[in-house]
Amino acid sequence: ADRECFSLDFKLFFLSIFEVIGEMISYVK
């Protein structure tokens, strides 16, 4: 809430997606 800005949103959007992908790959294995 204090830091909301484009750069932070951009970073969180893509890093979170990679995190989800990694988790899904783990379950597939």
PDB file of all heavy atoms in Angstrom:
ATOM      1  N   ALA A   1       0.833  -1.214   0.000  1.00  0.00           N
ATOM      2  CA  ALA A   1       0.000   0.000   0.000  1.00  0.00           C
ATOM      3  C   ALA A   1       0.862   1.256   0.000  1.00  0.00           C
ATOM      4  O   ALA A   1       0.500   2.276  -0.595  1.00  0.00           O
ATOM      5  CB  ALA A   1      -0.931  -0.004   1.210  1.00  0.00           C
ATOM      6  N   ASP A   2       2.020   1.197   0.645  1.00  0.00           N
ATOM      7  CA  ASP A   2       2.943   2.335   0.692  1.00  0.00           C
ATOM      8  C   ASP A   2       3.735   2.480  -0.604  1.00  0.00           C
ATOM      9  O   ASP A   2       4.038   3.594  -1.033  1.00  0.00           O
ATOM     10  CB  ASP A   2       3.940   2.170   1.848  1.00  0.00           C
ATOM     11  CG  ASP A   2       3.338   2.544   3.193  1.00  0.00           C
ATOM     12  OD1 ASP A   2       2.416   3.378   3.218  1.00  0.00           O
ATOM     13  OD2 ASP A   2       3.787   1.993   4.215  1.00  0.00           O
ATOM     14  N   ARG A   3       4.056   1.340  -1.240  1.00  0.00           N
ATOM     15  CA  ARG A   3       5.000   1.356  -2.358  1.00  0.00           C
ATOM     16  C   ARG A   3       4.356   1.189  -3.734  1.00  0.00           C
ATOM     17  O   ARG A   3       5.067   1.150  -4.736  1.00  0.00           O
ATOM     18  CB  ARG A   3       6.024   0.233  -2.165  1.00  0.00           C
ATOM     19  CG  ARG A   3       6.912   0.367  -0.956  1.00  0.00           C
ATOM     20  CD  ARG A   3       7.824  -0.854  -0.838  1.00  0.00           C
ATOM     21  NE  ARG A   3       8.570  -1.079  -2.069  1.00  0.00           N
ATOM     22  CZ  ARG A   3       9.155  -2.238  -2.380  1.00  0.00           C
ATOM     23  NH1 ARG A   3       9.031  -3.279  -1.581  1.00  0.00           N
ATOM     24  NH2 ARG A   3       9.823  -2.366  -3.516  1.00  0.00           N
ATOM     25  N   GLU A   4       3.050   1.120  -3.821  1.00  0.00           N
ATOM     26  CA  GLU A   4       2.381   0.854  -5.101  1.00  0.00           C
ATOM     27  C   GLU A   4       2.916   1.769  -6.213  1.00  0.00           C
ATOM     28  O   GLU A   4       2.865   2.983  -6.116  1.00  0.00           O
ATOM     29  CB  GLU A   4       0.872   1.053  -4.966  1.00  0.00           C
ATOM     30  CG  GLU A   4       0.110   0.728  -6.250  1.00  0.00           C
ATOM     31  CD  GLU A   4      -1.367   1.063  -6.143  1.00  0.00           C
ATOM     32  OE1 GLU A   4      -1.711   2.007  -5.384  1.00  0.00           O
ATOM     33  OE2 GLU A   4      -2.178   0.410  -6.808  1.00  0.00           O
ATOM     34  N   CYS A   5       3.438   1.141  -7.273  1.00  0.00           N
ATOM     35  CA  CYS A   5       3.952   1.887  -8.420  1.00  0.00           C
ATOM     36  C   CYS A   5       4.101   0.926  -9.593  1.00  0.00           C
ATOM     37  O   CYS A   5       4.007  -0.293  -9.434  1.00  0.00           O
ATOM     38  CB  CYS A   5       5.306   2.549  -8.099  1.00  0.00           C
ATOM     39  SG  CYS A   5       6.615   1.369  -7.709  1.00  0.00           S
ATOM     40  N   PHE A   6       4.338   1.460 -10.771  1.00  0.00           N
ATOM     41  CA  PHE A   6       4.409   0.622 -11.970  1.00  0.00           C
ATOM     42  C   PHE A   6       5.541  -0.392 -11.897  1.00  0.00           C
ATOM     43  O   PHE A   6       5.359  -1.561 -12.234  1.00  0.00           O
ATOM     44  CB  PHE A   6       4.581   1.496 -13.218  1.00  0.00           C
ATOM     45  CG  PHE A   6       4.728   0.680 -14.482  1.00  0.00           C
ATOM     46  CD1 PHE A   6       3.619   0.101 -15.090  1.00  0.00           C
ATOM     47  CD2 PHE A   6       5.979   0.482 -15.047  1.00  0.00           C
ATOM     48  CE1 PHE A   6       3.750  -0.672 -16.241  1.00  0.00           C
ATOM     49  CE2 PHE A   6       6.128  -0.285 -16.206  1.00  0.00           C
ATOM     50  CZ  PHE A   6       5.007  -0.853 -16.800  1.00  0.00           C
ATOM     51  N   SER A   7       6.729   0.042 -11.468  1.00  0.00           N
ATOM     52  CA  SER A   7       7.879  -0.860 -11.452  1.00  0.00           C
ATOM     53  C   SER A   7       7.650  -2.045 -10.512  1.00  0.00           C
ATOM     54  O   SER A   7       7.999  -3.189 -10.829  1.00  0.00           O
ATOM     55  CB  SER A   7       9.153  -0.108 -11.050  1.00  0.00           C
ATOM     56  OG  SER A   7       9.007   0.481  -9.772  1.00  0.00           O
ATOM     57  N   LEU A   8       7.042  -1.790  -9.355  1.00  0.00           N
ATOM     58  CA  LEU A   8       6.768  -2.861  -8.405  1.00  0.00           C
ATOM     59  C   LEU A   8       5.692  -3.798  -8.957  1.00  0.00           C
ATOM     60  O   LEU A   8       5.821  -5.021  -8.855  1.00  0.00           O
ATOM     61  CB  LEU A   8       6.320  -2.286  -7.066  1.00  0.00           C
ATOM     62  CG  LEU A   8       5.972  -3.299  -5.973  1.00  0.00           C
ATOM     63  CD1 LEU A   8       7.174  -4.177  -5.645  1.00  0.00           C
ATOM     64  CD2 LEU A   8       5.480  -2.586  -4.713  1.00  0.00           C
ATOM     65  N   ASP A   9       4.641  -3.237  -9.551  1.00  0.00           N
ATOM     66  CA  ASP A   9       3.585  -4.062 -10.128  1.00  0.00           C
ATOM     67  C   ASP A   9       4.114  -4.930 -11.254  1.00  0.00           C
ATOM     68  O   ASP A   9       3.770  -6.109 -11.372  1.00  0.00           O
ATOM     69  CB  ASP A   9       2.447  -3.173 -10.655  1.00  0.00           C
ATOM     70  CG  ASP A   9       1.588  -2.614  -9.540  1.00  0.00           C
ATOM     71  OD1 ASP A   9       1.780  -3.029  -8.377  1.00  0.00           O
ATOM     72  OD2 ASP A   9       0.720  -1.773  -9.824  1.00  0.00           O
ATOM     73  N   PHE A  10       4.936  -4.353 -12.091  1.00  0.00           N
ATOM     74  CA  PHE A  10       5.537  -5.082 -13.214  1.00  0.00           C
ATOM     75  C   PHE A  10       6.356  -6.262 -12.703  1.00  0.00           C
ATOM     76  O   PHE A  10       6.234  -7.396 -13.195  1.00  0.00           O
ATOM     77  CB  PHE A  10       6.423  -4.131 -14.028  1.00  0.00           C
ATOM     78  CG  PHE A  10       7.019  -4.741 -15.261  1.00  0.00           C
ATOM     79  CD1 PHE A  10       6.329  -4.703 -16.467  1.00  0.00           C
ATOM     80  CD2 PHE A  10       8.266  -5.334 -15.219  1.00  0.00           C
ATOM     81  CE1 PHE A  10       6.882  -5.265 -17.615  1.00  0.00           C
ATOM     82  CE2 PHE A  10       8.826  -5.907 -16.356  1.00  0.00           C
ATOM     83  CZ  PHE A  10       8.131  -5.867 -17.561  1.00  0.00           C
ATOM     84  N   LYS A  11       7.172  -5.988 -11.697  1.00  0.00           N
ATOM     85  CA  LYS A  11       8.030  -7.023 -11.109  1.00  0.00           C
ATOM     86  C   LYS A  11       7.199  -8.139 -10.483  1.00  0.00           C
ATOM     87  O   LYS A  11       7.438  -9.328 -10.739  1.00  0.00           O
ATOM     88  CB  LYS A  11       8.939  -6.396 -10.060  1.00  0.00           C
ATOM     89  CG  LYS A  11       9.819  -7.375  -9.318  1.00  0.00           C
ATOM     90  CD  LYS A  11      10.654  -6.648  -8.262  1.00  0.00           C
ATOM     91  CE  LYS A  11      11.486  -7.622  -7.451  1.00  0.00           C
ATOM     92  NZ  LYS A  11      12.292  -6.926  -6.402  1.00  0.00           N
ATOM     93  N   LEU A  12       6.195  -7.780  -9.686  1.00  0.00           N
ATOM     94  CA  LEU A  12       5.374  -8.773  -9.001  1.00  0.00           C
ATOM     95  C   LEU A  12       4.550  -9.603  -9.984  1.00  0.00           C
ATOM     96  O   LEU A  12       4.368 -10.805  -9.793  1.00  0.00           O
ATOM     97  CB  LEU A  12       4.445  -8.096  -7.991  1.00  0.00           C
ATOM     98  CG  LEU A  12       5.099  -7.556  -6.728  1.00  0.00           C
ATOM     99  CD1 LEU A  12       4.093  -6.766  -5.902  1.00  0.00           C
ATOM    100  CD2 LEU A  12       5.684  -8.689  -5.897  1.00  0.00           C
ATOM    101  N   PHE A  13       4.064  -8.968 -11.039  1.00  0.00           N
ATOM    102  CA  PHE A  13       3.256  -9.663 -12.042  1.00  0.00           C
ATOM    103  C   PHE A  13       4.043 -10.811 -12.658  1.00  0.00           C
ATOM    104  O   PHE A  13       3.594 -11.961 -12.670  1.00  0.00           O
ATOM    105  CB  PHE A  13       2.804  -8.675 -13.117  1.00  0.00           C
ATOM    106  CG  PHE A  13       1.931  -9.281 -14.175  1.00  0.00           C
ATOM    107  CD1 PHE A  13       0.568  -9.431 -13.974  1.00  0.00           C
ATOM    108  CD2 PHE A  13       2.461  -9.709 -15.384  1.00  0.00           C
ATOM    109  CE1 PHE A  13      -0.247  -9.993 -14.942  1.00  0.00           C
ATOM    110  CE2 PHE A  13       1.669 -10.270 -16.362  1.00  0.00           C
ATOM    111  CZ  PHE A  13       0.306 -10.411 -16.149  1.00  0.00           C
ATOM    112  N   PHE A  14       5.225 -10.516 -13.153  1.00  0.00           N
ATOM    113  CA  PHE A  14       5.997 -11.542 -13.852  1.00  0.00           C
ATOM    114  C   PHE A  14       6.670 -12.531 -12.902  1.00  0.00           C
ATOM    115  O   PHE A  14       6.701 -13.736 -13.171  1.00  0.00           O
ATOM    116  CB  PHE A  14       7.035 -10.890 -14.774  1.00  0.00           C
ATOM    117  CG  PHE A  14       6.429 -10.281 -15.998  1.00  0.00           C
ATOM    118  CD1 PHE A  14       6.286  -8.916 -16.112  1.00  0.00           C
ATOM    119  CD2 PHE A  14       5.959 -11.089 -17.028  1.00  0.00           C
ATOM    120  CE1 PHE A  14       5.702  -8.355 -17.242  1.00  0.00           C
ATOM    121  CE2 PHE A  14       5.380 -10.543 -18.155  1.00  0.00           C
ATOM    122  CZ  PHE A  14       5.245  -9.181 -18.266  1.00  0.00           C
ATOM    123  N   LEU A  15       7.178 -12.063 -11.770  1.00  0.00           N
ATOM    124  CA  LEU A  15       7.808 -12.987 -10.827  1.00  0.00           C
ATOM    125  C   LEU A  15       6.783 -13.972 -10.261  1.00  0.00           C
ATOM    126  O   LEU A  15       7.096 -15.150 -10.069  1.00  0.00           O
ATOM    127  CB  LEU A  15       8.465 -12.207  -9.679  1.00  0.00           C
ATOM    128  CG  LEU A  15       9.753 -11.462 -10.015  1.00  0.00           C
ATOM    129  CD1 LEU A  15      10.271 -10.722  -8.783  1.00  0.00           C
ATOM    130  CD2 LEU A  15      10.822 -12.412 -10.544  1.00  0.00           C
ATOM    131  N   SER A  16       5.574 -13.505 -10.006  1.00  0.00           N
ATOM    132  CA  SER A  16       4.524 -14.380  -9.477  1.00  0.00           C
ATOM    133  C   SER A  16       4.118 -15.434 -10.493  1.00  0.00           C
ATOM    134  O   SER A  16       3.871 -16.581 -10.136  1.00  0.00           O
ATOM    135  CB  SER A  16       3.297 -13.553  -9.062  1.00  0.00           C
ATOM    136  OG  SER A  16       3.612 -12.663  -8.024  1.00  0.00           O
ATOM    137  N   ILE A  17       4.068 -15.045 -11.764  1.00  0.00           N
ATOM    138  CA  ILE A  17       3.725 -16.003 -12.814  1.00  0.00           C
ATOM    139  C   ILE A  17       4.794 -17.090 -12.893  1.00  0.00           C
ATOM    140  O   ILE A  17       4.487 -18.289 -12.986  1.00  0.00           O
ATOM    141  CB  ILE A  17       3.571 -15.292 -14.173  1.00  0.00           C
ATOM    142  CG1 ILE A  17       2.270 -14.487 -14.186  1.00  0.00           C
ATOM    143  CG2 ILE A  17       3.563 -16.303 -15.318  1.00  0.00           C
ATOM    144  CD1 ILE A  17       2.058 -13.672 -15.430  1.00  0.00           C
ATOM    145  N   PHE A  18       6.063 -16.699 -12.851  1.00  0.00           N
ATOM    146  CA  PHE A  18       7.139 -17.690 -12.877  1.00  0.00           C
ATOM    147  C   PHE A  18       7.066 -18.608 -11.663  1.00  0.00           C
ATOM    148  O   PHE A  18       7.350 -19.800 -11.741  1.00  0.00           O
ATOM    149  CB  PHE A  18       8.505 -16.990 -12.934  1.00  0.00           C
ATOM    150  CG  PHE A  18       8.860 -16.475 -14.294  1.00  0.00           C
ATOM    151  CD1 PHE A  18       9.107 -15.120 -14.493  1.00  0.00           C
ATOM    152  CD2 PHE A  18       8.937 -17.324 -15.389  1.00  0.00           C
ATOM    153  CE1 PHE A  18       9.423 -14.630 -15.748  1.00  0.00           C
ATOM    154  CE2 PHE A  18       9.261 -16.845 -16.651  1.00  0.00           C
ATOM    155  CZ  PHE A  18       9.506 -15.495 -16.830  1.00  0.00           C
ATOM    156  N   GLU A  19       6.676 -18.037 -10.528  1.00  0.00           N
ATOM    157  CA  GLU A  19       6.533 -18.825  -9.298  1.00  0.00           C
ATOM    158  C   GLU A  19       5.443 -19.884  -9.466  1.00  0.00           C
ATOM    159  O   GLU A  19       5.604 -21.049  -9.079  1.00  0.00           O
ATOM    160  CB  GLU A  19       6.188 -17.890  -8.137  1.00  0.00           C
ATOM    161  CG  GLU A  19       6.212 -18.545  -6.759  1.00  0.00           C
ATOM    162  CD  GLU A  19       7.617 -18.735  -6.229  1.00  0.00           C
ATOM    163  OE1 GLU A  19       8.563 -18.164  -6.800  1.00  0.00           O
ATOM    164  OE2 GLU A  19       7.766 -19.473  -5.248  1.00  0.00           O
ATOM    165  N   VAL A  20       4.315 -19.476 -10.042  1.00  0.00           N
ATOM    166  CA  VAL A  20       3.199 -20.405 -10.273  1.00  0.00           C
ATOM    167  C   VAL A  20       3.603 -21.493 -11.256  1.00  0.00           C
ATOM    168  O   VAL A  20       3.301 -22.675 -11.061  1.00  0.00           O
ATOM    169  CB  VAL A  20       1.959 -19.638 -10.797  1.00  0.00           C
ATOM    170  CG1 VAL A  20       0.876 -20.621 -11.259  1.00  0.00           C
ATOM    171  CG2 VAL A  20       1.400 -18.736  -9.713  1.00  0.00           C
ATOM    172  N   ILE A  21       4.300 -21.116 -12.312  1.00  0.00           N
ATOM    173  CA  ILE A  21       4.747 -22.087 -13.312  1.00  0.00           C
ATOM    174  C   ILE A  21       5.675 -23.114 -12.677  1.00  0.00           C
ATOM    175  O   ILE A  21       5.554 -24.320 -12.916  1.00  0.00           O
ATOM    176  CB  ILE A  21       5.465 -21.365 -14.472  1.00  0.00           C
ATOM    177  CG1 ILE A  21       4.462 -20.553 -15.284  1.00  0.00           C
ATOM    178  CG2 ILE A  21       6.156 -22.386 -15.379  1.00  0.00           C
ATOM    179  CD1 ILE A  21       5.095 -19.662 -16.340  1.00  0.00           C
ATOM    180  N   GLY A  22       6.590 -22.639 -11.832  1.00  0.00           N
ATOM    181  CA  GLY A  22       7.511 -23.550 -11.151  1.00  0.00           C
ATOM    182  C   GLY A  22       6.774 -24.534 -10.265  1.00  0.00           C
ATOM    183  O   GLY A  22       7.116 -25.717 -10.211  1.00  0.00           O
ATOM    184  N   GLU A  23       5.757 -24.061  -9.581  1.00  0.00           N
ATOM    185  CA  GLU A  23       4.967 -24.920  -8.699  1.00  0.00           C
ATOM    186  C   GLU A  23       4.205 -25.967  -9.505  1.00  0.00           C
ATOM    187  O   GLU A  23       4.126 -27.129  -9.119  1.00  0.00           O
ATOM    188  CB  GLU A  23       4.003 -24.065  -7.880  1.00  0.00           C
ATOM    189  CG  GLU A  23       3.253 -24.835  -6.815  1.00  0.00           C
ATOM    190  CD  GLU A  23       2.438 -23.924  -5.911  1.00  0.00           C
ATOM    191  OE1 GLU A  23       3.041 -23.048  -5.275  1.00  0.00           O
ATOM    192  OE2 GLU A  23       1.210 -24.101  -5.847  1.00  0.00           O
ATOM    193  N   MET A  24       3.645 -25.560 -10.645  1.00  0.00           N
ATOM    194  CA  MET A  24       2.893 -26.493 -11.478  1.00  0.00           C
ATOM    195  C   MET A  24       3.806 -27.565 -12.053  1.00  0.00           C
ATOM    196  O   MET A  24       3.450 -28.743 -12.092  1.00  0.00           O
ATOM    197  CB  MET A  24       2.175 -25.733 -12.596  1.00  0.00           C
ATOM    198  CG  MET A  24       0.993 -24.905 -12.125  1.00  0.00           C
ATOM    199  SD  MET A  24      -0.044 -24.316 -13.468  1.00  0.00           S
ATOM    200  CE  MET A  24       1.058 -23.187 -14.291  1.00  0.00           C
ATOM    201  N   ILE A  25       4.990 -27.171 -12.487  1.00  0.00           N
ATOM    202  CA  ILE A  25       5.947 -28.134 -13.031  1.00  0.00           C
ATOM    203  C   ILE A  25       6.328 -29.150 -11.960  1.00  0.00           C
ATOM    204  O   ILE A  25       6.453 -30.347 -12.227  1.00  0.00           O
ATOM    205  CB  ILE A  25       7.201 -27.409 -13.557  1.00  0.00           C
ATOM    206  CG1 ILE A  25       6.839 -26.595 -14.801  1.00  0.00           C
ATOM    207  CG2 ILE A  25       8.301 -28.414 -13.889  1.00  0.00           C
ATOM    208  CD1 ILE A  25       7.974 -25.730 -15.327  1.00  0.00           C
ATOM    209  N   SER A  26       6.492 -28.673 -10.728  1.00  0.00           N
ATOM    210  CA  SER A  26       6.830 -29.558  -9.614  1.00  0.00           C
ATOM    211  C   SER A  26       5.764 -30.624  -9.411  1.00  0.00           C
ATOM    212  O   SER A  26       6.065 -31.801  -9.186  1.00  0.00           O
ATOM    213  CB  SER A  26       7.000 -28.726  -8.339  1.00  0.00           C
ATOM    214  OG  SER A  26       7.198 -29.549  -7.211  1.00  0.00           O
ATOM    215  N   TYR A  27       4.483 -30.211  -9.503  1.00  0.00           N
ATOM    216  CA  TYR A  27       3.388 -31.174  -9.323  1.00  0.00           C
ATOM    217  C   TYR A  27       3.278 -32.141 -10.483  1.00  0.00           C
ATOM    218  O   TYR A  27       2.904 -33.298 -10.306  1.00  0.00           O
ATOM    219  CB  TYR A  27       2.064 -30.429  -9.113  1.00  0.00           C
ATOM    220  CG  TYR A  27       1.840 -30.095  -7.672  1.00  0.00           C
ATOM    221  CD1 TYR A  27       2.311 -28.889  -7.152  1.00  0.00           C
ATOM    222  CD2 TYR A  27       1.208 -30.982  -6.811  1.00  0.00           C
ATOM    223  CE1 TYR A  27       2.139 -28.579  -5.813  1.00  0.00           C
ATOM    224  CE2 TYR A  27       1.032 -30.674  -5.464  1.00  0.00           C
ATOM    225  CZ  TYR A  27       1.494 -29.475  -4.982  1.00  0.00           C
ATOM    226  OH  TYR A  27       1.337 -29.165  -3.660  1.00  0.00           O
ATOM    227  N   VAL A  28       3.603 -31.694 -11.679  1.00  0.00           N
ATOM    228  CA  VAL A  28       3.579 -32.587 -12.843  1.00  0.00           C
ATOM    229  C   VAL A  28       4.607 -33.697 -12.651  1.00  0.00           C
ATOM    230  O   VAL A  28       4.368 -34.861 -12.963  1.00  0.00           O
ATOM    231  CB  VAL A  28       3.864 -31.808 -14.140  1.00  0.00           C
ATOM    232  CG1 VAL A  28       4.118 -32.769 -15.291  1.00  0.00           C
ATOM    233  CG2 VAL A  28       2.688 -30.916 -14.482  1.00  0.00           C
ATOM    234  N   LYS A  29       5.766 -33.340 -12.117  1.00  0.00           N
ATOM    235  CA  LYS A  29       6.826 -34.321 -11.901  1.00  0.00           C
ATOM    236  C   LYS A  29       6.440 -35.340 -10.829  1.00  0.00           C
ATOM    237  O   LYS A  29       6.813 -36.501 -10.890  1.00  0.00           O
ATOM    238  CB  LYS A  29       8.122 -33.614 -11.484  1.00  0.00           C
ATOM    239  CG  LYS A  29       8.774 -32.816 -12.607  1.00  0.00           C
ATOM    240  CD  LYS A  29      10.027 -32.129 -12.111  1.00  0.00           C
ATOM    241  CE  LYS A  29      10.707 -31.349 -13.228  1.00  0.00           C
ATOM    242  NZ  LYS A  29      11.925 -30.653 -12.738  1.00  0.00           N
TER     243      LYS A  29
END
